[in-house]
PDB file of all heavy atoms in Angstrom:
ATOM      1  N   ALA A   1     -16.952 -10.946 -15.362  1.00  0.00           N
ATOM      2  CA  ALA A   1     -16.398 -12.109 -16.055  1.00  0.00           C
ATOM      3  C   ALA A   1     -17.382 -12.537 -17.140  1.00  0.00           C
ATOM      4  O   ALA A   1     -18.546 -12.781 -16.831  1.00  0.00           O
ATOM      5  CB  ALA A   1     -16.162 -13.251 -15.083  1.00  0.00           C
ATOM      6  N   PRO A   2     -16.941 -12.622 -18.388  1.00  0.00           N
ATOM      7  CA  PRO A   2     -17.863 -12.985 -19.468  1.00  0.00           C
ATOM      8  C   PRO A   2     -18.349 -14.424 -19.361  1.00  0.00           C
ATOM      9  O   PRO A   2     -19.452 -14.739 -19.762  1.00  0.00           O
ATOM     10  CB  PRO A   2     -17.022 -12.788 -20.732  1.00  0.00           C
ATOM     11  CG  PRO A   2     -15.597 -12.850 -20.273  1.00  0.00           C
ATOM     12  CD  PRO A   2     -15.590 -12.296 -18.888  1.00  0.00           C
ATOM     13  N   THR A   3     -17.537 -15.287 -18.769  1.00  0.00           N
ATOM     14  CA  THR A   3     -17.927 -16.678 -18.543  1.00  0.00           C
ATOM     15  C   THR A   3     -17.380 -17.125 -17.188  1.00  0.00           C
ATOM     16  O   THR A   3     -16.406 -16.569 -16.682  1.00  0.00           O
ATOM     17  CB  THR A   3     -17.375 -17.625 -19.634  1.00  0.00           C
ATOM     18  OG1 THR A   3     -15.935 -17.532 -19.644  1.00  0.00           O
ATOM     19  CG2 THR A   3     -17.918 -17.270 -20.996  1.00  0.00           C
ATOM     20  N   ALA A   4     -17.997 -18.127 -16.598  1.00  0.00           N
ATOM     21  CA  ALA A   4     -17.501 -18.683 -15.342  1.00  0.00           C
ATOM     22  C   ALA A   4     -16.217 -19.456 -15.595  1.00  0.00           C
ATOM     23  O   ALA A   4     -16.103 -20.174 -16.598  1.00  0.00           O
ATOM     24  CB  ALA A   4     -18.555 -19.577 -14.711  1.00  0.00           C
ATOM     25  N   GLY A   5     -15.244 -19.323 -14.696  1.00  0.00           N
ATOM     26  CA  GLY A   5     -14.014 -20.062 -14.865  1.00  0.00           C
ATOM     27  C   GLY A   5     -12.865 -19.421 -14.110  1.00  0.00           C
ATOM     28  O   GLY A   5     -13.058 -18.530 -13.285  1.00  0.00           O
ATOM     29  N   LEU A   6     -11.646 -19.880 -14.417  1.00  0.00           N
ATOM     30  CA  LEU A   6     -10.449 -19.397 -13.754  1.00  0.00           C
ATOM     31  C   LEU A   6      -9.943 -18.133 -14.453  1.00  0.00           C
ATOM     32  O   LEU A   6      -9.896 -18.048 -15.687  1.00  0.00           O
ATOM     33  CB  LEU A   6      -9.359 -20.465 -13.784  1.00  0.00           C
ATOM     34  CG  LEU A   6      -9.619 -21.706 -12.922  1.00  0.00           C
ATOM     35  CD1 LEU A   6      -8.544 -22.747 -13.161  1.00  0.00           C
ATOM     36  CD2 LEU A   6      -9.709 -21.361 -11.445  1.00  0.00           C
ATOM     37  N   TYR A   7      -9.539 -17.167 -13.632  1.00  0.00           N
ATOM     38  CA  TYR A   7      -8.992 -15.907 -14.126  1.00  0.00           C
ATOM     39  C   TYR A   7      -7.725 -15.571 -13.340  1.00  0.00           C
ATOM     40  O   TYR A   7      -7.560 -15.966 -12.181  1.00  0.00           O
ATOM     41  CB  TYR A   7     -10.011 -14.767 -13.935  1.00  0.00           C
ATOM     42  CG  TYR A   7     -11.190 -14.836 -14.881  1.00  0.00           C
ATOM     43  CD1 TYR A   7     -12.226 -15.738 -14.643  1.00  0.00           C
ATOM     44  CD2 TYR A   7     -11.265 -14.034 -16.003  1.00  0.00           C
ATOM     45  CE1 TYR A   7     -13.293 -15.821 -15.510  1.00  0.00           C
ATOM     46  CE2 TYR A   7     -12.341 -14.094 -16.868  1.00  0.00           C
ATOM     47  CZ  TYR A   7     -13.359 -15.013 -16.629  1.00  0.00           C
ATOM     48  OH  TYR A   7     -14.410 -15.101 -17.493  1.00  0.00           O
ATOM     49  N   THR A   8      -6.830 -14.843 -13.984  1.00  0.00           N
ATOM     50  CA  THR A   8      -5.648 -14.323 -13.312  1.00  0.00           C
ATOM     51  C   THR A   8      -5.988 -12.950 -12.768  1.00  0.00           C
ATOM     52  O   THR A   8      -6.478 -12.088 -13.507  1.00  0.00           O
ATOM     53  CB  THR A   8      -4.461 -14.217 -14.280  1.00  0.00           C
ATOM     54  OG1 THR A   8      -4.128 -15.523 -14.758  1.00  0.00           O
ATOM     55  CG2 THR A   8      -3.241 -13.641 -13.574  1.00  0.00           C
ATOM     56  N   MET A   9      -5.745 -12.754 -11.476  1.00  0.00           N
ATOM     57  CA  MET A   9      -5.959 -11.446 -10.855  1.00  0.00           C
ATOM     58  C   MET A   9      -4.607 -10.883 -10.444  1.00  0.00           C
ATOM     59  O   MET A   9      -3.834 -11.536  -9.727  1.00  0.00           O
ATOM     60  CB  MET A   9      -6.854 -11.543  -9.627  1.00  0.00           C
ATOM     61  CG  MET A   9      -7.042 -10.192  -8.930  1.00  0.00           C
ATOM     62  SD  MET A   9      -8.337 -10.199  -7.650  1.00  0.00           S
ATOM     63  CE  MET A   9      -7.583 -11.266  -6.413  1.00  0.00           C
ATOM     64  N   LYS A  10      -4.315  -9.699 -10.927  1.00  0.00           N
ATOM     65  CA  LYS A  10      -3.082  -8.995 -10.562  1.00  0.00           C
ATOM     66  C   LYS A  10      -3.444  -7.925  -9.548  1.00  0.00           C
ATOM     67  O   LYS A  10      -4.320  -7.093  -9.781  1.00  0.00           O
ATOM     68  CB  LYS A  10      -2.428  -8.373 -11.801  1.00  0.00           C
ATOM     69  CG  LYS A  10      -1.052  -7.791 -11.560  1.00  0.00           C
ATOM     70  CD  LYS A  10      -0.519  -7.092 -12.819  1.00  0.00           C
ATOM     71  CE  LYS A  10      -0.310  -8.050 -13.949  1.00  0.00           C
ATOM     72  NZ  LYS A  10       0.290  -7.355 -15.134  1.00  0.00           N
ATOM     73  N   ILE A  11      -2.774  -7.958  -8.407  1.00  0.00           N
ATOM     74  CA  ILE A  11      -3.047  -7.019  -7.313  1.00  0.00           C
ATOM     75  C   ILE A  11      -1.919  -5.997  -7.247  1.00  0.00           C
ATOM     76  O   ILE A  11      -0.743  -6.367  -7.138  1.00  0.00           O
ATOM     77  CB  ILE A  11      -3.153  -7.764  -5.969  1.00  0.00           C
ATOM     78  CG1 ILE A  11      -4.255  -8.831  -6.059  1.00  0.00           C
ATOM     79  CG2 ILE A  11      -3.456  -6.800  -4.833  1.00  0.00           C
ATOM     80  CD1 ILE A  11      -4.163  -9.871  -4.973  1.00  0.00           C
ATOM     81  N   TYR A  12      -2.269  -4.735  -7.311  1.00  0.00           N
ATOM     82  CA  TYR A  12      -1.301  -3.634  -7.186  1.00  0.00           C
ATOM     83  C   TYR A  12      -1.385  -3.117  -5.750  1.00  0.00           C
ATOM     84  O   TYR A  12      -2.405  -2.571  -5.350  1.00  0.00           O
ATOM     85  CB  TYR A  12      -1.626  -2.527  -8.192  1.00  0.00           C
ATOM     86  CG  TYR A  12      -1.460  -2.924  -9.635  1.00  0.00           C
ATOM     87  CD1 TYR A  12      -2.377  -3.763 -10.265  1.00  0.00           C
ATOM     88  CD2 TYR A  12      -0.378  -2.464 -10.384  1.00  0.00           C
ATOM     89  CE1 TYR A  12      -2.225  -4.134 -11.600  1.00  0.00           C
ATOM     90  CE2 TYR A  12      -0.225  -2.815 -11.719  1.00  0.00           C
ATOM     91  CZ  TYR A  12      -1.157  -3.651 -12.307  1.00  0.00           C
ATOM     92  OH  TYR A  12      -0.990  -4.025 -13.625  1.00  0.00           O
ATOM     93  N   TYR A  13      -0.321  -3.306  -4.995  1.00  0.00           N
ATOM     94  CA  TYR A  13      -0.351  -3.010  -3.556  1.00  0.00           C
ATOM     95  C   TYR A  13       0.864  -2.211  -3.138  1.00  0.00           C
ATOM     96  O   TYR A  13       1.857  -2.091  -3.870  1.00  0.00           O
ATOM     97  CB  TYR A  13      -0.431  -4.311  -2.763  1.00  0.00           C
ATOM     98  CG  TYR A  13       0.862  -5.110  -2.798  1.00  0.00           C
ATOM     99  CD1 TYR A  13       1.818  -4.981  -1.792  1.00  0.00           C
ATOM    100  CD2 TYR A  13       1.131  -5.980  -3.848  1.00  0.00           C
ATOM    101  CE1 TYR A  13       3.015  -5.686  -1.838  1.00  0.00           C
ATOM    102  CE2 TYR A  13       2.311  -6.694  -3.898  1.00  0.00           C
ATOM    103  CZ  TYR A  13       3.246  -6.545  -2.887  1.00  0.00           C
ATOM    104  OH  TYR A  13       4.442  -7.242  -2.929  1.00  0.00           O
ATOM    105  N   LEU A  14       0.792  -1.642  -1.931  1.00  0.00           N
ATOM    106  CA  LEU A  14       1.890  -0.879  -1.328  1.00  0.00           C
ATOM    107  C   LEU A  14       2.021  -1.276   0.128  1.00  0.00           C
ATOM    108  O   LEU A  14       1.028  -1.361   0.847  1.00  0.00           O
ATOM    109  CB  LEU A  14       1.640   0.619  -1.434  1.00  0.00           C
ATOM    110  CG  LEU A  14       1.251   1.217  -2.797  1.00  0.00           C
ATOM    111  CD1 LEU A  14      -0.272   1.179  -3.006  1.00  0.00           C
ATOM    112  CD2 LEU A  14       1.744   2.652  -2.933  1.00  0.00           C
ATOM    113  N   SER A  15       3.253  -1.519   0.572  1.00  0.00           N
ATOM    114  CA  SER A  15       3.460  -1.838   1.993  1.00  0.00           C
ATOM    115  C   SER A  15       4.900  -1.508   2.383  1.00  0.00           C
ATOM    116  O   SER A  15       5.834  -1.774   1.628  1.00  0.00           O
ATOM    117  CB  SER A  15       3.182  -3.319   2.274  1.00  0.00           C
ATOM    118  OG  SER A  15       4.087  -4.153   1.588  1.00  0.00           O
ATOM    119  N   GLY A  16       5.027  -0.934   3.570  1.00  0.00           N
ATOM    120  CA  GLY A  16       6.350  -0.618   4.086  1.00  0.00           C
ATOM    121  C   GLY A  16       6.859  -1.643   5.058  1.00  0.00           C
ATOM    122  O   GLY A  16       7.994  -1.545   5.536  1.00  0.00           O
ATOM    123  N   ASP A  17       6.035  -2.652   5.376  1.00  0.00           N
ATOM    124  CA  ASP A  17       6.434  -3.745   6.253  1.00  0.00           C
ATOM    125  C   ASP A  17       5.649  -4.993   5.845  1.00  0.00           C
ATOM    126  O   ASP A  17       4.773  -4.938   4.986  1.00  0.00           O
ATOM    127  CB  ASP A  17       6.217  -3.393   7.723  1.00  0.00           C
ATOM    128  CG  ASP A  17       4.825  -2.834   7.997  1.00  0.00           C
ATOM    129  OD1 ASP A  17       3.885  -3.241   7.290  1.00  0.00           O
ATOM    130  OD2 ASP A  17       4.690  -1.978   8.882  1.00  0.00           O
ATOM    131  N   GLU A  18       5.991  -6.122   6.470  1.00  0.00           N
ATOM    132  CA  GLU A  18       5.329  -7.378   6.127  1.00  0.00           C
ATOM    133  C   GLU A  18       3.887  -7.366   6.621  1.00  0.00           C
ATOM    134  O   GLU A  18       3.620  -7.227   7.809  1.00  0.00           O
ATOM    135  CB  GLU A  18       6.099  -8.559   6.726  1.00  0.00           C
ATOM    136  CG  GLU A  18       7.483  -8.733   6.107  1.00  0.00           C
ATOM    137  CD  GLU A  18       8.199  -9.957   6.648  1.00  0.00           C
ATOM    138  OE1 GLU A  18       7.629 -10.603   7.572  1.00  0.00           O
ATOM    139  OE2 GLU A  18       9.300 -10.240   6.171  1.00  0.00           O
ATOM    140  N   ARG A  19       2.947  -7.591   5.690  1.00  0.00           N
ATOM    141  CA  ARG A  19       1.526  -7.577   6.017  1.00  0.00           C
ATOM    142  C   ARG A  19       0.806  -8.641   5.217  1.00  0.00           C
ATOM    143  O   ARG A  19       1.083  -8.858   4.038  1.00  0.00           O
ATOM    144  CB  ARG A  19       0.903  -6.221   5.726  1.00  0.00           C
ATOM    145  CG  ARG A  19       1.470  -5.071   6.555  1.00  0.00           C
ATOM    146  CD  ARG A  19       0.726  -3.789   6.325  1.00  0.00           C
ATOM    147  NE  ARG A  19       1.174  -2.739   7.235  1.00  0.00           N
ATOM    148  CZ  ARG A  19       0.529  -1.596   7.475  1.00  0.00           C
ATOM    149  NH1 ARG A  19      -0.615  -1.348   6.831  1.00  0.00           N
ATOM    150  NH2 ARG A  19       1.002  -0.711   8.323  1.00  0.00           N
ATOM    151  N   ASP A  20      -0.141  -9.304   5.872  1.00  0.00           N
ATOM    152  CA  ASP A  20      -0.991 -10.295   5.197  1.00  0.00           C
ATOM    153  C   ASP A  20      -2.303  -9.628   4.779  1.00  0.00           C
ATOM    154  O   ASP A  20      -2.764  -8.672   5.406  1.00  0.00           O
ATOM    155  CB  ASP A  20      -1.316 -11.456   6.140  1.00  0.00           C
ATOM    156  CG  ASP A  20      -0.061 -12.215   6.570  1.00  0.00           C
ATOM    157  OD1 ASP A  20       0.902 -12.257   5.801  1.00  0.00           O
ATOM    158  OD2 ASP A  20      -0.078 -12.764   7.696  1.00  0.00           O
ATOM    159  N   VAL A  21      -2.896 -10.176   3.734  1.00  0.00           N
ATOM    160  CA  VAL A  21      -4.220  -9.735   3.332  1.00  0.00           C
ATOM    161  C   VAL A  21      -5.037 -10.970   2.960  1.00  0.00           C
ATOM    162  O   VAL A  21      -4.483 -11.950   2.437  1.00  0.00           O
ATOM    163  CB  VAL A  21      -4.153  -8.735   2.148  1.00  0.00           C
ATOM    164  CG1 VAL A  21      -3.559  -9.378   0.902  1.00  0.00           C
ATOM    165  CG2 VAL A  21      -5.535  -8.162   1.853  1.00  0.00           C
ATOM    166  N   TYR A  22      -6.308 -10.941   3.275  1.00  0.00           N
ATOM    167  CA  TYR A  22      -7.213 -12.035   2.932  1.00  0.00           C
ATOM    168  C   TYR A  22      -8.149 -11.526   1.843  1.00  0.00           C
ATOM    169  O   TYR A  22      -8.623 -10.384   1.870  1.00  0.00           O
ATOM    170  CB  TYR A  22      -8.004 -12.494   4.153  1.00  0.00           C
ATOM    171  CG  TYR A  22      -7.155 -13.178   5.185  1.00  0.00           C
ATOM    172  CD1 TYR A  22      -6.393 -12.431   6.085  1.00  0.00           C
ATOM    173  CD2 TYR A  22      -7.072 -14.559   5.235  1.00  0.00           C
ATOM    174  CE1 TYR A  22      -5.597 -13.054   7.028  1.00  0.00           C
ATOM    175  CE2 TYR A  22      -6.276 -15.192   6.177  1.00  0.00           C
ATOM    176  CZ  TYR A  22      -5.529 -14.436   7.076  1.00  0.00           C
ATOM    177  OH  TYR A  22      -4.737 -15.061   8.000  1.00  0.00           O
ATOM    178  N   ILE A  23      -8.420 -12.411   0.876  1.00  0.00           N
ATOM    179  CA  ILE A  23      -9.214 -12.027  -0.292  1.00  0.00           C
ATOM    180  C   ILE A  23     -10.385 -12.989  -0.411  1.00  0.00           C
ATOM    181  O   ILE A  23     -10.199 -14.201  -0.528  1.00  0.00           O
ATOM    182  CB  ILE A  23      -8.350 -12.063  -1.577  1.00  0.00           C
ATOM    183  CG1 ILE A  23      -7.136 -11.157  -1.402  1.00  0.00           C
ATOM    184  CG2 ILE A  23      -9.170 -11.662  -2.782  1.00  0.00           C
ATOM    185  CD1 ILE A  23      -6.040 -11.418  -2.406  1.00  0.00           C
ATOM    186  N   SER A  24     -11.589 -12.452  -0.352  1.00  0.00           N
ATOM    187  CA  SER A  24     -12.816 -13.249  -0.450  1.00  0.00           C
ATOM    188  C   SER A  24     -13.488 -12.984  -1.784  1.00  0.00           C
ATOM    189  O   SER A  24     -13.767 -11.821  -2.125  1.00  0.00           O
ATOM    190  CB  SER A  24     -13.755 -12.914   0.699  1.00  0.00           C
ATOM    191  OG  SER A  24     -15.018 -13.533   0.517  1.00  0.00           O
ATOM    192  N   ILE A  25     -13.743 -14.062  -2.536  1.00  0.00           N
ATOM    193  CA  ILE A  25     -14.414 -13.948  -3.825  1.00  0.00           C
ATOM    194  C   ILE A  25     -15.893 -14.307  -3.644  1.00  0.00           C
ATOM    195  O   ILE A  25     -16.216 -15.410  -3.205  1.00  0.00           O
ATOM    196  CB  ILE A  25     -13.775 -14.888  -4.873  1.00  0.00           C
ATOM    197  CG1 ILE A  25     -12.254 -14.740  -4.878  1.00  0.00           C
ATOM    198  CG2 ILE A  25     -14.386 -14.627  -6.242  1.00  0.00           C
ATOM    199  CD1 ILE A  25     -11.764 -13.393  -5.326  1.00  0.00           C
ATOM    200  N   ASN A  26     -16.760 -13.364  -3.921  1.00  0.00           N
ATOM    201  CA  ASN A  26     -18.212 -13.594  -3.824  1.00  0.00           C
ATOM    202  C   ASN A  26     -18.633 -14.148  -2.463  1.00  0.00           C
ATOM    203  O   ASN A  26     -19.497 -15.010  -2.366  1.00  0.00           O
ATOM    204  CB  ASN A  26     -18.672 -14.533  -4.950  1.00  0.00           C
ATOM    205  CG  ASN A  26     -18.513 -13.932  -6.320  1.00  0.00           C
ATOM    206  OD1 ASN A  26     -18.783 -12.757  -6.530  1.00  0.00           O
ATOM    207  ND2 ASN A  26     -18.018 -14.732  -7.275  1.00  0.00           N
ATOM    208  N   GLY A  27     -18.006 -13.630  -1.407  1.00  0.00           N
ATOM    209  CA  GLY A  27     -18.378 -14.016  -0.056  1.00  0.00           C
ATOM    210  C   GLY A  27     -17.816 -15.326   0.402  1.00  0.00           C
ATOM    211  O   GLY A  27     -18.156 -15.810   1.502  1.00  0.00           O
TER     212      GLY A  27
END
């Protein structure tokens, strides 16, 4: 990130059934 702030993250994923995922930014 060139500067600190809010960014849009687009996630490209694949799933054949309903699944949750947890996303941790910098721990």
